[in-house]
Amino acid sequence: MQKAEQQRVALVKKTQKAIVKDFASQYAGVKTIKFDKYFILPMGTVEFPMDVNGYTDHEHNISYTINDDGSVRMSDYSTIPVKKGKTKVDDIKVTYNTNEGN
């Protein structure tokens, strides 16, 4: 793997870990988070779609983006399949995906 590719993968995984931490700090009952391929939108925004607790239908789509300062924020969601509260990050089974979508 080339150095640039290693850096890209490391940045994507670091960002996804920050997303898990942010989501866990706001919602209780999170058992699994599975990341889909990330997308770079036309204006340069990077979007990270994810499934929570196995919900993969359109009604439960959740996406995060990266802010200019490197922090993450939830940018798009329909129905969140968990309640407000907190979950320990170590209790969440996370499936990372460092591939870019088309």
N, C-alpha and C. Protein backbone atom coordinates (compact mmCIF):
# COMPACT_ATOMS: atom_id res chain seq x y z
N MET A 1 0.85 -1.17 0.00
CA MET A 1 0.00 0.00 0.00
C MET A 1 0.90 1.24 0.00
N GLN A 2 0.62 2.17 -0.86
CA GLN A 2 1.40 3.40 -0.95
C GLN A 2 1.14 4.29 0.26
N LYS A 3 2.08 5.18 0.53
CA LYS A 3 1.98 6.06 1.70
C LYS A 3 0.71 6.91 1.66
N ALA A 4 0.39 7.48 0.50
CA ALA A 4 -0.82 8.31 0.38
C ALA A 4 -2.07 7.50 0.69
N GLU A 5 -2.10 6.26 0.21
CA GLU A 5 -3.24 5.37 0.47
C GLU A 5 -3.33 5.04 1.95
N GLN A 6 -2.19 4.79 2.58
CA GLN A 6 -2.17 4.51 4.02
C GLN A 6 -2.69 5.71 4.81
N GLN A 7 -2.31 6.91 4.40
CA GLN A 7 -2.77 8.12 5.07
C GLN A 7 -4.27 8.31 4.90
N ARG A 8 -4.78 8.03 3.68
CA ARG A 8 -6.22 8.16 3.42
C ARG A 8 -6.99 7.19 4.31
N VAL A 9 -6.56 5.93 4.35
CA VAL A 9 -7.24 4.92 5.15
C VAL A 9 -7.20 5.30 6.63
N ALA A 10 -6.05 5.77 7.11
CA ALA A 10 -5.92 6.17 8.51
C ALA A 10 -6.85 7.33 8.84
N LEU A 11 -6.96 8.32 7.94
CA LEU A 11 -7.84 9.46 8.17
C LEU A 11 -9.30 9.04 8.18
N VAL A 12 -9.69 8.18 7.24
CA VAL A 12 -11.08 7.72 7.19
C VAL A 12 -11.43 6.96 8.47
N LYS A 13 -10.55 6.07 8.90
CA LYS A 13 -10.82 5.29 10.11
C LYS A 13 -10.86 6.19 11.35
N LYS A 14 -9.96 7.16 11.43
CA LYS A 14 -9.95 8.12 12.54
C LYS A 14 -11.27 8.89 12.58
N THR A 15 -11.74 9.31 11.41
CA THR A 15 -13.00 10.05 11.32
C THR A 15 -14.16 9.16 11.73
N GLN A 16 -14.19 7.91 11.27
CA GLN A 16 -15.27 7.00 11.64
C GLN A 16 -15.26 6.73 13.14
N LYS A 17 -14.09 6.63 13.76
CA LYS A 17 -14.02 6.46 15.21
C LYS A 17 -14.58 7.68 15.93
N ALA A 18 -14.31 8.88 15.41
CA ALA A 18 -14.86 10.10 15.99
C ALA A 18 -16.39 10.12 15.86
N ILE A 19 -16.90 9.61 14.74
CA ILE A 19 -18.35 9.53 14.53
C ILE A 19 -18.98 8.59 15.55
N VAL A 20 -18.38 7.42 15.76
CA VAL A 20 -18.89 6.46 16.74
C VAL A 20 -18.92 7.11 18.13
N LYS A 21 -17.85 7.78 18.49
CA LYS A 21 -17.76 8.44 19.81
C LYS A 21 -18.85 9.51 19.95
N ASP A 22 -19.04 10.32 18.90
CA ASP A 22 -20.06 11.36 18.93
C ASP A 22 -21.45 10.76 19.06
N PHE A 23 -21.75 9.75 18.24
CA PHE A 23 -23.07 9.13 18.26
C PHE A 23 -23.34 8.47 19.62
N ALA A 24 -22.34 7.77 20.14
CA ALA A 24 -22.49 7.08 21.44
C ALA A 24 -22.71 8.06 22.58
N SER A 25 -22.18 9.26 22.46
CA SER A 25 -22.34 10.26 23.52
C SER A 25 -23.73 10.87 23.53
N GLN A 26 -24.52 10.62 22.48
CA GLN A 26 -25.85 11.21 22.38
C GLN A 26 -27.00 10.21 22.45
N TYR A 27 -26.72 8.92 22.20
CA TYR A 27 -27.79 7.94 22.08
C TYR A 27 -27.52 6.68 22.89
N ALA A 28 -28.58 6.17 23.53
CA ALA A 28 -28.50 4.94 24.34
C ALA A 28 -29.02 3.76 23.53
N GLY A 29 -28.53 2.57 23.84
CA GLY A 29 -29.02 1.36 23.19
C GLY A 29 -28.36 1.06 21.87
N VAL A 30 -27.24 1.70 21.59
CA VAL A 30 -26.52 1.44 20.34
C VAL A 30 -25.73 0.14 20.49
N LYS A 31 -26.07 -0.85 19.68
CA LYS A 31 -25.39 -2.15 19.75
C LYS A 31 -24.40 -2.31 18.60
N THR A 32 -24.80 -1.86 17.40
CA THR A 32 -23.93 -1.98 16.24
C THR A 32 -23.97 -0.71 15.40
N ILE A 33 -22.84 -0.40 14.80
CA ILE A 33 -22.74 0.65 13.78
C ILE A 33 -21.96 0.05 12.63
N LYS A 34 -22.54 0.15 11.43
CA LYS A 34 -21.86 -0.35 10.24
C LYS A 34 -21.75 0.79 9.23
N PHE A 35 -20.53 1.12 8.86
CA PHE A 35 -20.31 2.19 7.90
C PHE A 35 -20.41 1.65 6.48
N ASP A 36 -21.04 2.44 5.61
CA ASP A 36 -21.07 2.15 4.18
C ASP A 36 -19.89 2.90 3.55
N LYS A 37 -19.73 2.80 2.25
CA LYS A 37 -18.69 3.56 1.56
C LYS A 37 -18.94 5.05 1.78
N TYR A 38 -17.87 5.81 1.97
CA TYR A 38 -18.03 7.25 2.12
C TYR A 38 -18.07 7.90 0.74
N PHE A 39 -18.61 9.12 0.69
CA PHE A 39 -18.76 9.85 -0.56
C PHE A 39 -18.16 11.24 -0.44
N ILE A 40 -17.57 11.71 -1.53
CA ILE A 40 -17.14 13.10 -1.60
C ILE A 40 -18.15 13.79 -2.50
N LEU A 41 -18.90 14.72 -1.92
CA LEU A 41 -19.96 15.42 -2.63
C LEU A 41 -19.36 16.51 -3.53
N PRO A 42 -20.13 17.02 -4.51
CA PRO A 42 -19.60 17.98 -5.48
C PRO A 42 -18.91 19.21 -4.87
N MET A 43 -19.36 19.70 -3.75
CA MET A 43 -18.75 20.89 -3.14
C MET A 43 -17.59 20.52 -2.22
N GLY A 44 -17.18 19.25 -2.21
CA GLY A 44 -16.04 18.83 -1.43
C GLY A 44 -16.37 18.28 -0.05
N THR A 45 -17.64 18.28 0.32
CA THR A 45 -18.04 17.72 1.61
C THR A 45 -17.89 16.20 1.58
N VAL A 46 -17.36 15.64 2.65
CA VAL A 46 -17.21 14.19 2.75
C VAL A 46 -18.33 13.67 3.64
N GLU A 47 -19.11 12.71 3.12
CA GLU A 47 -20.27 12.17 3.83
C GLU A 47 -20.04 10.70 4.17
N PHE A 48 -20.36 10.35 5.41
CA PHE A 48 -20.19 8.99 5.91
C PHE A 48 -21.55 8.39 6.28
N PRO A 49 -22.18 7.62 5.38
CA PRO A 49 -23.44 6.95 5.72
C PRO A 49 -23.17 5.76 6.66
N MET A 50 -24.13 5.50 7.55
CA MET A 50 -23.96 4.38 8.48
C MET A 50 -25.31 3.79 8.85
N ASP A 51 -25.28 2.51 9.23
CA ASP A 51 -26.46 1.81 9.71
C ASP A 51 -26.28 1.58 11.20
N VAL A 52 -27.36 1.77 11.96
CA VAL A 52 -27.32 1.58 13.41
C VAL A 52 -28.24 0.43 13.78
N ASN A 53 -27.73 -0.50 14.59
CA ASN A 53 -28.49 -1.65 15.09
C ASN A 53 -29.14 -2.47 13.99
N GLY A 54 -28.48 -2.53 12.83
CA GLY A 54 -28.96 -3.38 11.75
C GLY A 54 -30.05 -2.79 10.88
N TYR A 55 -30.49 -1.57 11.16
CA TYR A 55 -31.52 -0.94 10.33
C TYR A 55 -30.88 -0.42 9.05
N THR A 56 -31.26 -1.00 7.92
CA THR A 56 -30.67 -0.62 6.64
C THR A 56 -31.67 0.03 5.69
N ASP A 57 -32.92 0.18 6.13
CA ASP A 57 -33.94 0.74 5.25
C ASP A 57 -33.79 2.25 5.14
N HIS A 58 -34.43 2.82 4.13
CA HIS A 58 -34.33 4.25 3.84
C HIS A 58 -34.79 5.11 5.01
N GLU A 59 -35.77 4.64 5.76
CA GLU A 59 -36.32 5.41 6.88
C GLU A 59 -35.29 5.64 7.98
N HIS A 60 -34.29 4.77 8.08
CA HIS A 60 -33.31 4.86 9.16
C HIS A 60 -31.92 5.27 8.68
N ASN A 61 -31.84 5.94 7.52
CA ASN A 61 -30.54 6.41 7.02
C ASN A 61 -29.96 7.47 7.94
N ILE A 62 -28.68 7.34 8.26
CA ILE A 62 -27.98 8.33 9.07
C ILE A 62 -26.66 8.62 8.39
N SER A 63 -26.32 9.91 8.26
CA SER A 63 -25.03 10.29 7.67
C SER A 63 -24.37 11.36 8.52
N TYR A 64 -23.07 11.32 8.53
CA TYR A 64 -22.24 12.33 9.19
C TYR A 64 -21.36 13.00 8.15
N THR A 65 -20.96 14.25 8.43
CA THR A 65 -19.98 14.94 7.60
C THR A 65 -18.86 15.47 8.50
N ILE A 66 -17.78 15.89 7.86
CA ILE A 66 -16.65 16.49 8.57
C ILE A 66 -16.77 18.00 8.45
N ASN A 67 -16.65 18.70 9.58
CA ASN A 67 -16.64 20.16 9.58
C ASN A 67 -15.26 20.67 9.15
N ASP A 68 -15.18 21.95 8.83
CA ASP A 68 -13.91 22.54 8.40
C ASP A 68 -12.81 22.38 9.45
N ASP A 69 -13.19 22.34 10.73
CA ASP A 69 -12.18 22.22 11.80
C ASP A 69 -11.81 20.76 12.08
N GLY A 70 -12.36 19.83 11.30
CA GLY A 70 -12.04 18.41 11.48
C GLY A 70 -12.99 17.67 12.39
N SER A 71 -13.87 18.39 13.08
CA SER A 71 -14.87 17.73 13.93
C SER A 71 -15.95 17.11 13.04
N VAL A 72 -16.78 16.25 13.63
CA VAL A 72 -17.83 15.58 12.86
C VAL A 72 -19.20 16.03 13.36
N ARG A 73 -20.19 15.94 12.48
CA ARG A 73 -21.57 16.25 12.88
C ARG A 73 -22.54 15.41 12.06
N MET A 74 -23.67 15.10 12.71
CA MET A 74 -24.71 14.38 12.00
C MET A 74 -25.33 15.35 11.00
N SER A 75 -25.38 14.96 9.75
CA SER A 75 -25.84 15.88 8.72
C SER A 75 -27.18 15.47 8.12
N ASP A 76 -27.50 14.19 8.21
CA ASP A 76 -28.72 13.73 7.57
C ASP A 76 -29.25 12.51 8.32
N TYR A 77 -30.53 12.54 8.61
CA TYR A 77 -31.15 11.38 9.24
C TYR A 77 -32.65 11.47 9.05
N SER A 78 -33.30 10.33 9.09
CA SER A 78 -34.75 10.27 9.03
C SER A 78 -35.24 9.93 10.43
N THR A 79 -35.26 8.64 10.74
CA THR A 79 -35.65 8.17 12.07
C THR A 79 -34.45 7.48 12.69
N ILE A 80 -34.07 7.93 13.87
CA ILE A 80 -32.94 7.32 14.57
C ILE A 80 -33.49 6.17 15.41
N PRO A 81 -32.97 4.94 15.21
CA PRO A 81 -33.56 3.75 15.84
C PRO A 81 -33.17 3.52 17.31
N VAL A 82 -32.71 4.56 17.98
CA VAL A 82 -32.35 4.47 19.40
C VAL A 82 -32.81 5.75 20.09
N LYS A 83 -32.79 5.73 21.42
CA LYS A 83 -33.27 6.88 22.20
C LYS A 83 -32.11 7.75 22.65
N LYS A 84 -32.43 9.00 22.99
CA LYS A 84 -31.43 9.92 23.54
C LYS A 84 -30.84 9.31 24.80
N GLY A 85 -29.57 9.56 25.04
CA GLY A 85 -28.87 9.04 26.20
C GLY A 85 -27.41 8.83 25.86
N LYS A 86 -26.80 7.83 26.46
CA LYS A 86 -25.39 7.54 26.19
C LYS A 86 -25.17 6.04 26.11
N THR A 87 -24.20 5.65 25.30
CA THR A 87 -23.76 4.26 25.18
C THR A 87 -22.24 4.26 25.31
N LYS A 88 -21.70 3.27 26.01
CA LYS A 88 -20.24 3.13 26.07
C LYS A 88 -19.72 2.70 24.70
N VAL A 89 -18.73 3.39 24.21
CA VAL A 89 -18.16 3.07 22.90
C VAL A 89 -17.68 1.62 22.85
N ASP A 90 -17.09 1.14 23.94
CA ASP A 90 -16.58 -0.23 23.97
C ASP A 90 -17.67 -1.29 23.85
N ASP A 91 -18.93 -0.91 24.11
CA ASP A 91 -20.05 -1.84 24.01
C ASP A 91 -20.64 -1.92 22.60
N ILE A 92 -20.14 -1.10 21.68
CA ILE A 92 -20.67 -1.05 20.32
C ILE A 92 -19.79 -1.87 19.39
N LYS A 93 -20.42 -2.77 18.62
CA LYS A 93 -19.69 -3.53 17.59
C LYS A 93 -19.68 -2.66 16.34
N VAL A 94 -18.50 -2.25 15.92
CA VAL A 94 -18.37 -1.33 14.79
C VAL A 94 -17.75 -2.05 13.60
N THR A 95 -18.38 -1.86 12.42
CA THR A 95 -17.82 -2.36 11.17
C THR A 95 -17.38 -1.15 10.36
N TYR A 96 -16.07 -0.98 10.26
CA TYR A 96 -15.53 0.17 9.52
C TYR A 96 -15.48 -0.14 8.03
N ASN A 97 -15.53 0.92 7.21
CA ASN A 97 -15.43 0.77 5.77
C ASN A 97 -14.61 1.96 5.26
N THR A 98 -13.42 1.71 4.77
CA THR A 98 -12.56 2.80 4.31
C THR A 98 -12.61 2.98 2.79
N ASN A 99 -13.58 2.36 2.13
CA ASN A 99 -13.71 2.47 0.68
C ASN A 99 -14.53 3.70 0.30
N GLU A 100 -14.15 4.31 -0.81
CA GLU A 100 -14.88 5.46 -1.32
C GLU A 100 -15.94 4.98 -2.30
N GLY A 101 -17.15 5.56 -2.18
CA GLY A 101 -18.24 5.22 -3.09
C GLY A 101 -18.15 6.04 -4.36
N ASN A 102 -19.00 5.71 -5.32
CA ASN A 102 -19.01 6.43 -6.60
C ASN A 102 -20.15 7.39 -6.66
